[in-house]
Amino acid sequence: MEKTYVSLEHLEAYKLARKLSKLSWELYEIWEWRIKKIMGDQFIESVDSVGANIAEGYGRFHYLDKVKFYYNARGSLLEFRHWLDVLSERNLIDKIHKADYLNIYKELRMVLNGLINGVMRAKDRELRN
């Protein structure tokens, strides 16, 4: 069976993380400096960390090393969700935009969990062979 290689740019989890990051930056750019300082910086750092950890994990060779970074990406995604809720509570994001973010968030969470499970299954298959 021939293995096919998917480049990072074509990896669905990475594409979704970049999409979420781009959308988040558009929101971040319009805030005044005080909002950026108090919570905006943490919001944008958490969302950018998702894609960065996926990229770093994708570049690792060993299964558990990969998964460690994918877990970090998942943690950053949950931190992003925290900041999204805080921004919403403080009326810094409207309901329509929040719904757009949540749709990408939910899809990315599912794809990222699938990526983690796929790596773990591949590790188990290798151990059995």
C-alpha atoms as a PDB file:
ATOM      1  CA  MET A   1       0.000   0.000   0.000  1.00  0.00           C
ATOM      2  CA  GLU A   2       1.486   3.312  -1.096  1.00  0.00           C
ATOM      3  CA  LYS A   3       1.448   6.150   1.426  1.00  0.00           C
ATOM      4  CA  THR A   4       0.378   9.562   0.258  1.00  0.00           C
ATOM      5  CA  TYR A   5       1.884  12.713   1.706  1.00  0.00           C
ATOM      6  CA  VAL A   6      -0.324  15.649   2.560  1.00  0.00           C
ATOM      7  CA  SER A   7       1.520  18.941   2.865  1.00  0.00           C
ATOM      8  CA  LEU A   8       0.874  21.087   5.921  1.00  0.00           C
ATOM      9  CA  GLU A   9      -0.924  23.683   3.796  1.00  0.00           C
ATOM     10  CA  HIS A  10      -3.435  21.022   2.718  1.00  0.00           C
ATOM     11  CA  LEU A  11      -3.996  19.554   6.177  1.00  0.00           C
ATOM     12  CA  GLU A  12      -7.608  20.348   7.108  1.00  0.00           C
ATOM     13  CA  ALA A  13      -6.862  21.144  10.758  1.00  0.00           C
ATOM     14  CA  TYR A  14      -4.161  23.598   9.739  1.00  0.00           C
ATOM     15  CA  LYS A  15      -6.370  25.264   7.112  1.00  0.00           C
ATOM     16  CA  LEU A  16      -9.151  25.751   9.662  1.00  0.00           C
ATOM     17  CA  ALA A  17      -6.717  27.093  12.267  1.00  0.00           C
ATOM     18  CA  ARG A  18      -5.393  29.629   9.761  1.00  0.00           C
ATOM     19  CA  LYS A  19      -8.935  30.623   8.800  1.00  0.00           C
ATOM     20  CA  LEU A  20      -9.845  31.185  12.444  1.00  0.00           C
ATOM     21  CA  SER A  21      -6.631  33.123  12.999  1.00  0.00           C
ATOM     22  CA  LYS A  22      -7.290  35.393  10.002  1.00  0.00           C
ATOM     23  CA  LEU A  23     -10.837  36.104  11.124  1.00  0.00           C
ATOM     24  CA  SER A  24      -9.633  36.829  14.654  1.00  0.00           C
ATOM     25  CA  TRP A  25      -6.992  39.250  13.427  1.00  0.00           C
ATOM     26  CA  GLU A  26      -9.629  41.228  11.526  1.00  0.00           C
ATOM     27  CA  LEU A  27     -11.500  41.702  14.802  1.00  0.00           C
ATOM     28  CA  TYR A  28      -8.354  42.445  16.813  1.00  0.00           C
ATOM     29  CA  GLU A  29      -7.258  45.180  14.428  1.00  0.00           C
ATOM     30  CA  ILE A  30     -10.324  47.341  15.085  1.00  0.00           C
ATOM     31  CA  TRP A  31     -10.051  47.381  18.888  1.00  0.00           C
ATOM     32  CA  GLU A  32      -8.591  50.311  20.768  1.00  0.00           C
ATOM     33  CA  TRP A  33      -5.255  49.797  22.512  1.00  0.00           C
ATOM     34  CA  ARG A  34      -6.841  49.281  25.978  1.00  0.00           C
ATOM     35  CA  ILE A  35      -8.965  46.342  24.807  1.00  0.00           C
ATOM     36  CA  LYS A  36      -5.979  44.853  22.981  1.00  0.00           C
ATOM     37  CA  LYS A  37      -3.844  45.138  26.112  1.00  0.00           C
ATOM     38  CA  ILE A  38      -6.415  43.741  28.551  1.00  0.00           C
ATOM     39  CA  MET A  39      -7.688  40.755  26.576  1.00  0.00           C
ATOM     40  CA  GLY A  40      -7.070  41.162  22.867  1.00  0.00           C
ATOM     41  CA  ASP A  41      -3.443  40.115  22.995  1.00  0.00           C
ATOM     42  CA  GLN A  42      -4.312  36.915  24.847  1.00  0.00           C
ATOM     43  CA  PHE A  43      -7.165  36.253  22.430  1.00  0.00           C
ATOM     44  CA  ILE A  44      -4.951  36.578  19.358  1.00  0.00           C
ATOM     45  CA  GLU A  45      -2.040  34.678  20.929  1.00  0.00           C
ATOM     46  CA  SER A  46      -4.292  31.740  21.815  1.00  0.00           C
ATOM     47  CA  VAL A  47      -5.763  31.471  18.330  1.00  0.00           C
ATOM     48  CA  ASP A  48      -2.371  31.856  16.619  1.00  0.00           C
ATOM     49  CA  SER A  49      -0.990  29.155  18.908  1.00  0.00           C
ATOM     50  CA  VAL A  50      -3.461  26.630  17.517  1.00  0.00           C
ATOM     51  CA  GLY A  51      -1.996  26.725  14.024  1.00  0.00           C
ATOM     52  CA  ALA A  52       1.577  27.012  15.278  1.00  0.00           C
ATOM     53  CA  ASN A  53       1.218  23.861  17.398  1.00  0.00           C
ATOM     54  CA  ILE A  54      -0.412  21.942  14.554  1.00  0.00           C
ATOM     55  CA  ALA A  55       2.495  22.939  12.305  1.00  0.00           C
ATOM     56  CA  GLU A  56       5.096  21.955  14.873  1.00  0.00           C
ATOM     57  CA  GLY A  57       3.414  18.634  15.593  1.00  0.00           C
ATOM     58  CA  TYR A  58       3.089  17.903  11.893  1.00  0.00           C
ATOM     59  CA  GLY A  59       6.828  18.356  11.515  1.00  0.00           C
ATOM     60  CA  ARG A  60       7.667  15.870  14.266  1.00  0.00           C
ATOM     61  CA  PHE A  61       8.581  12.281  13.506  1.00  0.00           C
ATOM     62  CA  HIS A  62       7.524  10.255  16.537  1.00  0.00           C
ATOM     63  CA  TYR A  63       3.844   9.622  17.169  1.00  0.00           C
ATOM     64  CA  LEU A  64       3.750  10.748  20.778  1.00  0.00           C
ATOM     65  CA  ASP A  65       5.784  13.839  19.963  1.00  0.00           C
ATOM     66  CA  LYS A  66       3.229  14.757  17.282  1.00  0.00           C
ATOM     67  CA  VAL A  67       0.305  14.164  19.612  1.00  0.00           C
ATOM     68  CA  LYS A  68       1.852  16.312  22.347  1.00  0.00           C
ATOM     69  CA  PHE A  69       1.745  19.327  20.031  1.00  0.00           C
ATOM     70  CA  TYR A  70      -1.762  18.472  18.817  1.00  0.00           C
ATOM     71  CA  TYR A  71      -2.876  18.385  22.463  1.00  0.00           C
ATOM     72  CA  ASN A  72      -1.264  21.810  22.926  1.00  0.00           C
ATOM     73  CA  ALA A  73      -3.191  23.019  19.883  1.00  0.00           C
ATOM     74  CA  ARG A  74      -6.402  21.697  21.405  1.00  0.00           C
ATOM     75  CA  GLY A  75      -5.634  23.465  24.683  1.00  0.00           C
ATOM     76  CA  SER A  76      -5.026  26.727  22.836  1.00  0.00           C
ATOM     77  CA  LEU A  77      -8.289  26.236  20.960  1.00  0.00           C
ATOM     78  CA  LEU A  78     -10.120  25.942  24.272  1.00  0.00           C
ATOM     79  CA  GLU A  79      -8.354  29.063  25.524  1.00  0.00           C
ATOM     80  CA  PHE A  80      -9.538  30.828  22.363  1.00  0.00           C
ATOM     81  CA  ARG A  81     -13.090  29.712  23.207  1.00  0.00           C
ATOM     82  CA  HIS A  82     -12.708  31.192  26.695  1.00  0.00           C
ATOM     83  CA  TRP A  83     -11.650  34.568  25.290  1.00  0.00           C
ATOM     84  CA  LEU A  84     -14.432  34.469  22.710  1.00  0.00           C
ATOM     85  CA  ASP A  85     -16.987  34.054  25.491  1.00  0.00           C
ATOM     86  CA  VAL A  86     -15.415  36.859  27.546  1.00  0.00           C
ATOM     87  CA  LEU A  87     -15.424  39.177  24.524  1.00  0.00           C
ATOM     88  CA  SER A  88     -19.059  38.341  23.910  1.00  0.00           C
ATOM     89  CA  GLU A  89     -20.014  38.974  27.550  1.00  0.00           C
ATOM     90  CA  ARG A  90     -18.365  42.388  27.335  1.00  0.00           C
ATOM     91  CA  ASN A  91     -20.117  43.211  24.056  1.00  0.00           C
ATOM     92  CA  LEU A  92     -16.877  43.365  22.086  1.00  0.00           C
ATOM     93  CA  ILE A  93     -18.112  40.906  19.470  1.00  0.00           C
ATOM     94  CA  ASP A  94     -21.595  40.750  18.013  1.00  0.00           C
ATOM     95  CA  LYS A  95     -23.749  37.620  17.888  1.00  0.00           C
ATOM     96  CA  ILE A  96     -23.378  37.131  14.132  1.00  0.00           C
ATOM     97  CA  HIS A  97     -19.585  37.200  14.252  1.00  0.00           C
ATOM     98  CA  LYS A  98     -19.543  35.007  17.348  1.00  0.00           C
ATOM     99  CA  ALA A  99     -21.653  32.443  15.495  1.00  0.00           C
ATOM    100  CA  ASP A 100     -19.130  32.480  12.609  1.00  0.00           C
ATOM    101  CA  TYR A 101     -16.282  31.903  15.059  1.00  0.00           C
ATOM    102  CA  LEU A 102     -18.142  29.104  16.808  1.00  0.00           C
ATOM    103  CA  ASN A 103     -18.832  27.294  13.542  1.00  0.00           C
ATOM    104  CA  ILE A 104     -15.133  27.243  12.678  1.00  0.00           C
ATOM    105  CA  TYR A 105     -14.236  26.401  16.288  1.00  0.00           C
ATOM    106  CA  LYS A 106     -16.566  23.377  16.329  1.00  0.00           C
ATOM    107  CA  GLU A 107     -15.311  22.069  13.008  1.00  0.00           C
ATOM    108  CA  LEU A 108     -11.680  22.586  13.993  1.00  0.00           C
ATOM    109  CA  ARG A 109     -12.200  20.860  17.341  1.00  0.00           C
ATOM    110  CA  MET A 110     -13.674  17.832  15.570  1.00  0.00           C
ATOM    111  CA  VAL A 111     -10.923  17.718  12.918  1.00  0.00           C
ATOM    112  CA  LEU A 112      -8.185  18.178  15.520  1.00  0.00           C
ATOM    113  CA  ASN A 113      -9.581  15.335  17.628  1.00  0.00           C
ATOM    114  CA  GLY A 114      -9.659  13.203  14.481  1.00  0.00           C
ATOM    115  CA  LEU A 115      -6.032  14.078  13.786  1.00  0.00           C
ATOM    116  CA  ILE A 116      -5.044  13.049  17.311  1.00  0.00           C
ATOM    117  CA  ASN A 117      -7.000   9.796  17.070  1.00  0.00           C
ATOM    118  CA  GLY A 118      -5.498   9.051  13.650  1.00  0.00           C
ATOM    119  CA  VAL A 119      -1.952   9.444  14.936  1.00  0.00           C
ATOM    120  CA  MET A 120      -2.697   7.203  17.909  1.00  0.00           C
ATOM    121  CA  ARG A 121      -4.232   4.530  15.654  1.00  0.00           C
ATOM    122  CA  ALA A 122      -1.166   4.662  13.398  1.00  0.00           C
ATOM    123  CA  LYS A 123       1.060   4.224  16.453  1.00  0.00           C
ATOM    124  CA  ASP A 124      -0.983   1.192  17.565  1.00  0.00           C
ATOM    125  CA  ARG A 125      -0.825  -0.330  14.059  1.00  0.00           C
ATOM    126  CA  GLU A 126       2.948   0.053  14.001  1.00  0.00           C
ATOM    127  CA  LEU A 127       3.263  -1.618  17.401  1.00  0.00           C
ATOM    128  CA  ARG A 128       1.213  -4.597  16.207  1.00  0.00           C
ATOM    129  CA  ASN A 129       3.368  -5.098  13.083  1.00  0.00           C
END
